[in-house]
PDB file of N, CA and C in Angstrom:
ATOM      1  N   MET A   1      -5.568  17.936  21.261  1.00  0.00           N
ATOM      2  CA  MET A   1      -6.134  17.065  20.249  1.00  0.00           C
ATOM      3  C   MET A   1      -5.838  15.617  20.649  1.00  0.00           C
ATOM      4  N   PRO A   2      -6.828  14.728  20.548  1.00  0.00           N
ATOM      5  CA  PRO A   2      -6.595  13.324  20.916  1.00  0.00           C
ATOM      6  C   PRO A   2      -5.711  12.627  19.884  1.00  0.00           C
ATOM      7  N   LYS A   3      -5.092  11.543  20.337  1.00  0.00           N
ATOM      8  CA  LYS A   3      -4.313  10.720  19.421  1.00  0.00           C
ATOM      9  C   LYS A   3      -5.238  10.186  18.333  1.00  0.00           C
ATOM     10  N   ARG A   4      -4.721  10.024  17.139  1.00  0.00           N
ATOM     11  CA  ARG A   4      -5.547   9.535  16.028  1.00  0.00           C
ATOM     12  C   ARG A   4      -6.015   8.114  16.285  1.00  0.00           C
ATOM     13  N   VAL A   5      -5.113   7.243  16.746  1.00  0.00           N
ATOM     14  CA  VAL A   5      -5.439   5.831  16.955  1.00  0.00           C
ATOM     15  C   VAL A   5      -5.076   5.438  18.375  1.00  0.00           C
ATOM     16  N   LYS A   6      -5.978   4.703  18.995  1.00  0.00           N
ATOM     17  CA  LYS A   6      -5.754   4.232  20.356  1.00  0.00           C
ATOM     18  C   LYS A   6      -5.834   2.705  20.381  1.00  0.00           C
ATOM     19  N   VAL A   7      -4.960   2.090  21.165  1.00  0.00           N
ATOM     20  CA  VAL A   7      -5.009   0.650  21.357  1.00  0.00           C
ATOM     21  C   VAL A   7      -6.170   0.341  22.297  1.00  0.00           C
ATOM     22  N   THR A   8      -7.035  -0.590  21.902  1.00  0.00           N
ATOM     23  CA  THR A   8      -8.206  -0.925  22.718  1.00  0.00           C
ATOM     24  C   THR A   8      -8.142  -2.323  23.307  1.00  0.00           C
ATOM     25  N   ARG A   9      -7.224  -3.154  22.776  1.00  0.00           N
ATOM     26  CA  ARG A   9      -7.142  -4.537  23.259  1.00  0.00           C
ATOM     27  C   ARG A   9      -5.720  -5.046  23.081  1.00  0.00           C
ATOM     28  N   GLU A  10      -5.250  -5.806  24.064  1.00  0.00           N
ATOM     29  CA  GLU A  10      -3.942  -6.446  23.992  1.00  0.00           C
ATOM     30  C   GLU A  10      -4.105  -7.942  24.213  1.00  0.00           C
ATOM     31  N   THR A  11      -3.185  -8.722  23.636  1.00  0.00           N
ATOM     32  CA  THR A  11      -3.180 -10.160  23.892  1.00  0.00           C
ATOM     33  C   THR A  11      -2.570 -10.402  25.270  1.00  0.00           C
ATOM     34  N   ASP A  12      -2.622 -11.636  25.737  1.00  0.00           N
ATOM     35  CA  ASP A  12      -2.025 -11.979  27.020  1.00  0.00           C
ATOM     36  C   ASP A  12      -0.526 -11.697  27.046  1.00  0.00           C
ATOM     37  N   SER A  13       0.119 -11.766  25.890  1.00  0.00           N
ATOM     38  CA  SER A  13       1.559 -11.502  25.815  1.00  0.00           C
ATOM     39  C   SER A  13       1.871 -10.012  25.711  1.00  0.00           C
ATOM     40  N   GLY A  14       0.844  -9.176  25.578  1.00  0.00           N
ATOM     41  CA  GLY A  14       1.046  -7.735  25.516  1.00  0.00           C
ATOM     42  C   GLY A  14       1.063  -7.155  24.116  1.00  0.00           C
ATOM     43  N   ARG A  15       0.868  -7.989  23.106  1.00  0.00           N
ATOM     44  CA  ARG A  15       0.829  -7.480  21.727  1.00  0.00           C
ATOM     45  C   ARG A  15      -0.475  -6.718  21.501  1.00  0.00           C
ATOM     46  N   ASN A  16      -0.367  -5.536  20.876  1.00  0.00           N
ATOM     47  CA  ASN A  16      -1.553  -4.754  20.554  1.00  0.00           C
ATOM     48  C   ASN A  16      -2.406  -5.527  19.551  1.00  0.00           C
ATOM     49  N   ALA A  17      -3.697  -5.688  19.856  1.00  0.00           N
ATOM     50  CA  ALA A  17      -4.562  -6.521  19.018  1.00  0.00           C
ATOM     51  C   ALA A  17      -5.789  -5.784  18.497  1.00  0.00           C
ATOM     52  N   GLY A  18      -6.225  -4.742  19.182  1.00  0.00           N
ATOM     53  CA  GLY A  18      -7.397  -3.986  18.763  1.00  0.00           C
ATOM     54  C   GLY A  18      -7.091  -2.500  18.778  1.00  0.00           C
ATOM     55  N   PHE A  19      -7.663  -1.775  17.826  1.00  0.00           N
ATOM     56  CA  PHE A  19      -7.374  -0.355  17.675  1.00  0.00           C
ATOM     57  C   PHE A  19      -8.662   0.403  17.386  1.00  0.00           C
ATOM     58  N   ARG A  20      -8.682   1.683  17.776  1.00  0.00           N
ATOM     59  CA  ARG A  20      -9.825   2.548  17.492  1.00  0.00           C
ATOM     60  C   ARG A  20      -9.312   3.835  16.884  1.00  0.00           C
ATOM     61  N   ASP A  21      -9.882   4.197  15.732  1.00  0.00           N
ATOM     62  CA  ASP A  21      -9.581   5.479  15.105  1.00  0.00           C
ATOM     63  C   ASP A  21     -10.446   6.517  15.816  1.00  0.00           C
ATOM     64  N   ASN A  22      -9.832   7.396  16.580  1.00  0.00           N
ATOM     65  CA  ASN A  22     -10.569   8.380  17.370  1.00  0.00           C
ATOM     66  C   ASN A  22     -11.237   9.456  16.521  1.00  0.00           C
ATOM     67  N   PHE A  23     -10.836   9.596  15.266  1.00  0.00           N
ATOM     68  CA  PHE A  23     -11.448  10.602  14.402  1.00  0.00           C
ATOM     69  C   PHE A  23     -12.703  10.066  13.725  1.00  0.00           C
ATOM     70  N   THR A  24     -12.700   8.777  13.349  1.00  0.00           N
ATOM     71  CA  THR A  24     -13.847   8.201  12.643  1.00  0.00           C
ATOM     72  C   THR A  24     -14.697   7.296  13.518  1.00  0.00           C
ATOM     73  N   GLY A  25     -14.119   6.814  14.630  1.00  0.00           N
ATOM     74  CA  GLY A  25     -14.827   5.881  15.498  1.00  0.00           C
ATOM     75  C   GLY A  25     -14.697   4.432  15.070  1.00  0.00           C
ATOM     76  N   ASP A  26     -13.965   4.173  13.977  1.00  0.00           N
ATOM     77  CA  ASP A  26     -13.805   2.809  13.470  1.00  0.00           C
ATOM     78  C   ASP A  26     -12.978   1.967  14.433  1.00  0.00           C
ATOM     79  N   GLU A  27     -13.426   0.733  14.660  1.00  0.00           N
ATOM     80  CA  GLU A  27     -12.689  -0.258  15.439  1.00  0.00           C
ATOM     81  C   GLU A  27     -12.005  -1.188  14.441  1.00  0.00           C
ATOM     82  N   MET A  28     -10.736  -1.540  14.721  1.00  0.00           N
ATOM     83  CA  MET A  28      -9.976  -2.381  13.796  1.00  0.00           C
ATOM     84  C   MET A  28      -9.196  -3.445  14.554  1.00  0.00           C
ATOM     85  N   THR A  29      -9.026  -4.594  13.924  1.00  0.00           N
ATOM     86  CA  THR A  29      -8.107  -5.598  14.440  1.00  0.00           C
ATOM     87  C   THR A  29      -6.696  -5.176  14.016  1.00  0.00           C
ATOM     88  N   ARG A  30      -5.699  -5.881  14.533  1.00  0.00           N
ATOM     89  CA  ARG A  30      -4.329  -5.590  14.145  1.00  0.00           C
ATOM     90  C   ARG A  30      -4.171  -5.747  12.632  1.00  0.00           C
ATOM     91  N   ALA A  31      -4.692  -6.838  12.073  1.00  0.00           N
ATOM     92  CA  ALA A  31      -4.566  -7.084  10.637  1.00  0.00           C
ATOM     93  C   ALA A  31      -5.253  -5.991   9.813  1.00  0.00           C
ATOM     94  N   GLN A  32      -6.415  -5.542  10.248  1.00  0.00           N
ATOM     95  CA  GLN A  32      -7.126  -4.488   9.527  1.00  0.00           C
ATOM     96  C   GLN A  32      -6.343  -3.174   9.574  1.00  0.00           C
ATOM     97  N   PHE A  33      -5.777  -2.862  10.731  1.00  0.00           N
ATOM     98  CA  PHE A  33      -5.001  -1.628  10.863  1.00  0.00           C
ATOM     99  C   PHE A  33      -3.737  -1.704  10.008  1.00  0.00           C
ATOM    100  N   VAL A  34      -3.073  -2.844  10.008  1.00  0.00           N
ATOM    101  CA  VAL A  34      -1.883  -3.033   9.170  1.00  0.00           C
ATOM    102  C   VAL A  34      -2.240  -2.799   7.707  1.00  0.00           C
ATOM    103  N   ARG A  35      -3.332  -3.395   7.246  1.00  0.00           N
ATOM    104  CA  ARG A  35      -3.769  -3.234   5.853  1.00  0.00           C
ATOM    105  C   ARG A  35      -4.045  -1.766   5.540  1.00  0.00           C
ATOM    106  N   ALA A  36      -4.698  -1.056   6.462  1.00  0.00           N
ATOM    107  CA  ALA A  36      -5.012   0.358   6.244  1.00  0.00           C
ATOM    108  C   ALA A  36      -3.732   1.201   6.167  1.00  0.00           C
ATOM    109  N   ILE A  37      -2.762   0.888   7.005  1.00  0.00           N
ATOM    110  CA  ILE A  37      -1.479   1.600   6.955  1.00  0.00           C
ATOM    111  C   ILE A  37      -0.798   1.330   5.621  1.00  0.00           C
ATOM    112  N   GLU A  38      -0.754   0.066   5.214  1.00  0.00           N
ATOM    113  CA  GLU A  38      -0.111  -0.296   3.944  1.00  0.00           C
ATOM    114  C   GLU A  38      -0.824   0.323   2.747  1.00  0.00           C
ATOM    115  N   ASN A  39      -2.119   0.593   2.872  1.00  0.00           N
ATOM    116  CA  ASN A  39      -2.886   1.237   1.796  1.00  0.00           C
ATOM    117  C   ASN A  39      -2.751   2.755   1.814  1.00  0.00           C
ATOM    118  N   GLY A  40      -1.983   3.295   2.773  1.00  0.00           N
ATOM    119  CA  GLY A  40      -1.750   4.733   2.832  1.00  0.00           C
ATOM    120  C   GLY A  40      -2.807   5.528   3.575  1.00  0.00           C
ATOM    121  N   GLU A  41      -3.699   4.859   4.291  1.00  0.00           N
ATOM    122  CA  GLU A  41      -4.774   5.557   4.990  1.00  0.00           C
ATOM    123  C   GLU A  41      -4.311   6.238   6.282  1.00  0.00           C
ATOM    124  N   TYR A  42      -3.159   5.825   6.801  1.00  0.00           N
ATOM    125  CA  TYR A  42      -2.632   6.392   8.045  1.00  0.00           C
ATOM    126  C   TYR A  42      -1.172   6.779   7.833  1.00  0.00           C
ATOM    127  N   PRO A  43      -0.921   7.960   7.252  1.00  0.00           N
ATOM    128  CA  PRO A  43       0.443   8.347   6.884  1.00  0.00           C
ATOM    129  C   PRO A  43       1.385   8.543   8.066  1.00  0.00           C
ATOM    130  N   ASN A  44       0.871   8.713   9.265  1.00  0.00           N
ATOM    131  CA  ASN A  44       1.725   8.912  10.431  1.00  0.00           C
ATOM    132  C   ASN A  44       2.054   7.614  11.150  1.00  0.00           C
ATOM    133  N   TYR A  45       1.783   6.491  10.496  1.00  0.00           N
ATOM    134  CA  TYR A  45       2.050   5.166  11.065  1.00  0.00           C
ATOM    135  C   TYR A  45       2.777   4.320  10.035  1.00  0.00           C
ATOM    136  N   HIS A  46       3.499   3.312  10.515  1.00  0.00           N
ATOM    137  CA  HIS A  46       4.189   2.375   9.631  1.00  0.00           C
ATOM    138  C   HIS A  46       4.040   0.972  10.208  1.00  0.00           C
ATOM    139  N   VAL A  47       4.468  -0.018   9.435  1.00  0.00           N
ATOM    140  CA  VAL A  47       4.350  -1.415   9.848  1.00  0.00           C
ATOM    141  C   VAL A  47       5.744  -1.972  10.088  1.00  0.00           C
ATOM    142  N   ARG A  48       5.918  -2.595  11.240  1.00  0.00           N
ATOM    143  CA  ARG A  48       7.173  -3.258  11.585  1.00  0.00           C
ATOM    144  C   ARG A  48       6.957  -4.762  11.577  1.00  0.00           C
ATOM    145  N   ASP A  49       8.029  -5.501  11.351  1.00  0.00           N
ATOM    146  CA  ASP A  49       7.995  -6.948  11.470  1.00  0.00           C
ATOM    147  C   ASP A  49       8.542  -7.283  12.857  1.00  0.00           C
ATOM    148  N   VAL A  50       7.691  -7.765  13.740  1.00  0.00           N
ATOM    149  CA  VAL A  50       8.097  -8.131  15.094  1.00  0.00           C
ATOM    150  C   VAL A  50       7.897  -9.635  15.253  1.00  0.00           C
ATOM    151  N   ASN A  51       9.007 -10.349  15.295  1.00  0.00           N
ATOM    152  CA  ASN A  51       8.969 -11.812  15.401  1.00  0.00           C
ATOM    153  C   ASN A  51       8.092 -12.452  14.325  1.00  0.00           C
ATOM    154  N   GLY A  52       8.191 -11.912  13.106  1.00  0.00           N
ATOM    155  CA  GLY A  52       7.445 -12.471  11.987  1.00  0.00           C
ATOM    156  C   GLY A  52       5.998 -12.028  11.897  1.00  0.00           C
ATOM    157  N   VAL A  53       5.576 -11.102  12.749  1.00  0.00           N
ATOM    158  CA  VAL A  53       4.190 -10.614  12.747  1.00  0.00           C
ATOM    159  C   VAL A  53       4.190  -9.135  12.369  1.00  0.00           C
ATOM    160  N   LYS A  54       3.386  -8.788  11.352  1.00  0.00           N
ATOM    161  CA  LYS A  54       3.250  -7.383  10.975  1.00  0.00           C
ATOM    162  C   LYS A  54       2.591  -6.625  12.127  1.00  0.00           C
ATOM    163  N   THR A  55       3.257  -5.546  12.562  1.00  0.00           N
ATOM    164  CA  THR A  55       2.831  -4.829  13.756  1.00  0.00           C
ATOM    165  C   THR A  55       2.769  -3.330  13.475  1.00  0.00           C
ATOM    166  N   PRO A  56       1.622  -2.680  13.738  1.00  0.00           N
ATOM    167  CA  PRO A  56       1.513  -1.232  13.530  1.00  0.00           C
ATOM    168  C   PRO A  56       2.367  -0.465  14.545  1.00  0.00           C
ATOM    169  N   ALA A  57       2.930   0.655  14.087  1.00  0.00           N
ATOM    170  CA  ALA A  57       3.695   1.532  14.964  1.00  0.00           C
ATOM    171  C   ALA A  57       3.525   2.963  14.488  1.00  0.00           C
ATOM    172  N   SER A  58       3.520   3.896  15.433  1.00  0.00           N
ATOM    173  CA  SER A  58       3.453   5.302  15.045  1.00  0.00           C
ATOM    174  C   SER A  58       4.843   5.741  14.595  1.00  0.00           C
ATOM    175  N   ASN A  59       4.888   6.677  13.642  1.00  0.00           N
ATOM    176  CA  ASN A  59       6.165   7.181  13.165  1.00  0.00           C
ATOM    177  C   ASN A  59       6.828   7.992  14.264  1.00  0.00           C
ATOM    178  N   PRO A  60       8.131   7.832  14.457  1.00  0.00           N
ATOM    179  CA  PRO A  60       8.825   8.586  15.497  1.00  0.00           C
ATOM    180  C   PRO A  60       8.874  10.069  15.147  1.00  0.00           C
ATOM    181  N   ASP A  61       8.631  10.896  16.143  1.00  0.00           N
ATOM    182  CA  ASP A  61       8.731  12.337  15.931  1.00  0.00           C
ATOM    183  C   ASP A  61       9.209  13.070  17.181  1.00  0.00           C
ATOM    184  N   GLY A  62       9.673  12.328  18.178  1.00  0.00           N
ATOM    185  CA  GLY A  62      10.199  12.957  19.390  1.00  0.00           C
ATOM    186  C   GLY A  62       9.145  13.308  20.425  1.00  0.00           C
ATOM    187  N   THR A  63       7.874  13.010  20.148  1.00  0.00           N
ATOM    188  CA  THR A  63       6.800  13.303  21.090  1.00  0.00           C
ATOM    189  C   THR A  63       6.299  12.008  21.696  1.00  0.00           C
ATOM    190  N   ARG A  64       6.422  11.861  23.008  1.00  0.00           N
ATOM    191  CA  ARG A  64       5.988  10.637  23.672  1.00  0.00           C
ATOM    192  C   ARG A  64       4.469  10.513  23.723  1.00  0.00           C
ATOM    193  N   ASN A  65       3.757  11.635  23.685  1.00  0.00           N
ATOM    194  CA  ASN A  65       2.305  11.634  23.882  1.00  0.00           C
ATOM    195  C   ASN A  65       1.521  11.049  22.729  1.00  0.00           C
ATOM    196  N   ASN A  66       2.127  10.847  21.561  1.00  0.00           N
ATOM    197  CA  ASN A  66       1.340  10.351  20.438  1.00  0.00           C
ATOM    198  C   ASN A  66       1.747   8.949  20.018  1.00  0.00           C
ATOM    199  N   ASN A  67       2.434   8.212  20.879  1.00  0.00           N
ATOM    200  CA  ASN A  67       2.759   6.822  20.579  1.00  0.00           C
ATOM    201  C   ASN A  67       1.536   5.950  20.790  1.00  0.00           C
ATOM    202  N   LEU A  68       1.485   4.820  20.052  1.00  0.00           N
ATOM    203  CA  LEU A  68       0.391   3.874  20.269  1.00  0.00           C
ATOM    204  C   LEU A  68       0.481   3.366  21.700  1.00  0.00           C
ATOM    205  N   GLY A  69      -0.639   3.216  22.314  1.00  0.00           N
ATOM    206  CA  GLY A  69      -0.626   2.703  23.683  1.00  0.00           C
ATOM    207  C   GLY A  69      -1.909   3.009  24.383  1.00  0.00           C
TER     208      GLY A  69
END
């Protein structure tokens, strides 16, 4: 089974900036994905504060294959 969300774009500094929901085909910016996570649409993901920027992250479960990337 494919990962639910895939990173599609990174900034020059390496921050994830674009995402694709592989189940629905929706493309999202970082801000849109953060909002969707906060609204409960992606229960297997959470939001971290990285240097003052809300950043999506997959919930840890011991499986390397389903991390954002």
